[in-house]
Amino acid sequence: MAPTVLSLRPLTANDFAPYGEVLELGEGPARAINAGTSARRDLAAALDLTREGGAPVLATFDVQGQAVEGPWTMLERHRLGSQTFVPLAAADWVVLVGLGQAAPERRTFAAFAATGAQGITLHAGTWHHPLIALAPGRFLVIERGVPGQKDCDVVTLSPPVRLAP
């Protein structure tokens, strides 16, 4: 069977809504705080991190740059919590996602071109490829964690997914 080929589309809140939320970094109203030395922008993100004894975990991921086309051969999901990715340096990246109960359904696959000024929060249970950065970089990640508990399902995609920029 031939690979599934997906066209990249811009990451917009409306198109991404079935999978999660888009975080537009540095946009929207700001309020002065800290005696005017900082501008605070609250991001709308429905974090789901405490189900079944979970607690927020804050981490950084150092990522390698990858070719956008792939092939992409796996997806993972976190059934019990949301997962947020925020680029810490302005670099473009790709979000490959799908939906499904026991396994991702190919008809739900989508690939989004994200800018370095966009983060995302994936809904709990959203299938996604690990970070696909187009250049080396670092991301801030907020996810659910419980010591000694694993909440990551992984599936192999056969045939693989390829992306058309």
Protein backbone atom coordinates (compact mmCIF):
# COMPACT_ATOMS: atom_id res chain seq x y z
CA MET A 1 0.00 0.00 0.00
CA ALA A 2 1.29 3.49 -0.89
CA PRO A 3 2.03 6.05 1.82
CA THR A 4 -0.69 8.50 2.82
CA VAL A 5 0.30 11.95 1.51
CA LEU A 6 -0.98 14.96 3.43
CA SER A 7 -0.72 18.59 2.40
CA LEU A 8 0.47 20.97 5.06
CA ARG A 9 -2.02 23.64 5.97
CA PRO A 10 -1.53 26.69 8.17
CA LEU A 11 -2.09 26.16 11.88
CA THR A 12 -5.31 28.01 12.73
CA ALA A 13 -7.50 27.74 15.82
CA ASN A 14 -10.56 26.78 13.78
CA ASP A 15 -8.90 23.99 11.76
CA PHE A 16 -7.03 22.62 14.79
CA ALA A 17 -10.06 22.63 17.16
CA PRO A 18 -10.84 18.88 16.88
CA TYR A 19 -7.29 18.09 18.06
CA GLY A 20 -6.61 20.83 20.59
CA GLU A 21 -5.96 24.54 20.98
CA VAL A 22 -3.58 26.90 19.21
CA LEU A 23 -1.54 29.22 21.42
CA GLU A 24 -0.69 32.46 19.62
CA LEU A 25 2.43 33.61 21.45
CA GLY A 26 2.90 37.34 21.86
CA GLU A 27 -0.52 38.20 20.41
CA GLY A 28 -3.66 39.47 22.06
CA PRO A 29 -4.18 41.95 24.85
CA ALA A 30 -1.43 42.41 27.40
CA ARG A 31 -1.52 43.99 30.81
CA ALA A 32 1.37 45.69 32.51
CA ILE A 33 2.68 43.89 35.60
CA ASN A 34 5.71 44.13 37.88
CA ALA A 35 5.65 47.92 38.09
CA GLY A 36 5.42 48.16 34.31
CA THR A 37 8.56 46.12 33.58
CA SER A 38 6.63 43.24 32.02
CA ALA A 39 3.63 42.72 29.76
CA ARG A 40 1.53 39.67 30.63
CA ARG A 41 -0.56 37.81 28.07
CA ASP A 42 -2.65 34.94 29.37
CA LEU A 43 -3.02 32.12 26.86
CA ALA A 44 -6.30 30.27 26.61
CA ALA A 45 -5.32 26.65 27.17
CA ALA A 46 -7.56 24.05 28.74
CA LEU A 47 -4.92 22.03 30.57
CA ASP A 48 -6.12 18.57 31.61
CA LEU A 49 -3.36 17.27 33.89
CA THR A 50 -4.80 15.92 37.14
CA ARG A 51 -6.98 13.00 36.03
CA GLU A 52 -6.42 9.78 38.04
CA GLY A 53 -3.87 11.37 40.36
CA GLY A 54 -1.87 13.16 37.69
CA ALA A 55 0.12 16.31 38.31
CA PRO A 56 1.57 18.93 35.96
CA VAL A 57 5.07 18.23 34.70
CA LEU A 58 7.13 20.99 33.11
CA ALA A 59 9.98 19.96 30.81
CA THR A 60 12.11 21.16 27.93
CA PHE A 61 12.67 19.05 24.83
CA ASP A 62 15.79 19.66 22.73
CA VAL A 63 14.86 18.68 19.17
CA GLN A 64 16.75 18.02 15.97
CA GLY A 65 15.72 19.55 12.67
CA GLN A 66 14.00 17.12 10.31
CA ALA A 67 12.96 17.14 6.67
CA VAL A 68 9.28 18.01 6.44
CA GLU A 69 8.40 15.25 3.97
CA GLY A 70 9.08 12.31 6.29
CA PRO A 71 8.25 9.45 6.03
CA TRP A 72 6.47 9.54 9.38
CA THR A 73 5.95 6.04 10.73
CA MET A 74 4.35 6.40 14.18
CA LEU A 75 1.83 8.28 16.27
CA GLU A 76 1.38 8.42 20.02
CA ARG A 77 -1.31 9.62 22.40
CA HIS A 78 -1.72 10.43 26.07
CA ARG A 79 -5.21 9.25 27.06
CA LEU A 80 -5.25 10.77 30.55
CA GLY A 81 -3.95 14.27 29.97
CA SER A 82 -3.39 17.15 27.64
CA GLN A 83 0.06 17.99 26.31
CA THR A 84 1.30 21.49 25.52
CA PHE A 85 4.21 22.39 23.22
CA VAL A 86 5.64 25.92 23.17
CA PRO A 87 8.67 26.77 21.01
CA LEU A 88 11.33 28.67 22.95
CA ALA A 89 13.04 29.98 19.82
CA ALA A 90 11.33 31.24 16.69
CA ALA A 91 11.57 28.22 14.40
CA ASP A 92 8.95 26.65 12.17
CA TRP A 93 7.61 23.22 13.03
CA VAL A 94 4.96 20.73 11.93
CA VAL A 95 2.05 19.21 13.87
CA LEU A 96 0.88 15.81 12.56
CA VAL A 97 -2.31 14.62 14.31
CA GLY A 98 -5.16 12.15 14.08
CA LEU A 99 -8.20 10.98 16.00
CA GLY A 100 -9.51 7.54 16.94
CA GLN A 101 -10.33 5.36 19.90
CA ALA A 102 -8.19 2.19 19.81
CA ALA A 103 -6.03 3.44 16.93
CA PRO A 104 -5.81 6.59 14.82
CA GLU A 105 -8.16 6.67 11.82
CA ARG A 106 -6.40 7.80 8.63
CA ARG A 107 -9.40 9.81 7.46
CA THR A 108 -8.84 12.09 10.50
CA PHE A 109 -5.13 12.74 9.86
CA ALA A 110 -4.07 16.36 9.42
CA ALA A 111 -0.73 18.14 9.13
CA PHE A 112 -0.29 21.75 10.19
CA ALA A 113 2.55 24.18 9.52
CA ALA A 114 3.23 26.03 12.78
CA THR A 115 5.40 29.09 13.15
CA GLY A 116 7.83 29.76 15.98
CA ALA A 117 5.20 32.12 17.41
CA GLN A 118 2.62 29.35 17.81
CA GLY A 119 2.25 26.70 20.48
CA ILE A 120 -0.42 24.04 20.89
CA THR A 121 -2.26 22.17 23.60
CA LEU A 122 -3.40 18.73 22.45
CA HIS A 123 -6.64 17.39 23.90
CA ALA A 124 -6.22 14.25 26.00
CA GLY A 125 -6.32 11.24 23.66
CA THR A 126 -5.29 13.08 20.48
CA TRP A 127 -2.92 10.97 18.37
CA HIS A 128 0.18 12.94 17.33
CA HIS A 129 3.64 12.48 15.98
CA PRO A 130 6.47 13.50 18.30
CA LEU A 131 7.81 17.00 17.63
CA ILE A 132 8.71 17.66 14.01
CA ALA A 133 10.95 20.73 14.12
CA LEU A 134 12.33 21.99 10.83
CA ALA A 135 15.52 23.24 12.53
CA PRO A 136 17.23 22.35 15.82
CA GLY A 137 15.54 23.99 18.78
CA ARG A 138 14.04 23.75 22.21
CA PHE A 139 10.41 23.45 23.29
CA LEU A 140 8.73 23.94 26.64
CA VAL A 141 6.38 21.00 27.29
CA ILE A 142 3.61 20.82 29.90
CA GLU A 143 2.08 17.39 30.41
CA ARG A 144 0.50 15.06 32.94
CA GLY A 145 2.81 12.93 35.00
CA VAL A 146 2.49 10.34 37.74
CA PRO A 147 5.61 8.64 39.13
CA GLY A 148 5.67 4.99 38.07
CA GLN A 149 2.69 5.36 35.72
CA LYS A 150 2.84 5.32 31.94
CA ASP A 151 0.29 7.18 29.82
CA CYS A 152 1.61 6.90 26.28
CA ASP A 153 0.13 4.63 23.61
CA VAL A 154 2.24 4.24 20.45
CA VAL A 155 1.21 2.85 17.06
CA THR A 156 3.25 2.14 13.95
CA LEU A 157 1.87 3.62 10.74
CA SER A 158 1.96 1.15 7.88
CA PRO A 159 2.03 2.51 5.30
CA PRO A 160 3.80 5.64 6.54
CA VAL A 161 2.62 9.23 6.15
CA ARG A 162 4.44 11.67 3.87
CA LEU A 163 3.93 15.42 3.90
CA ALA A 164 3.68 17.70 0.88
CA PRO A 165 4.73 21.25 1.79
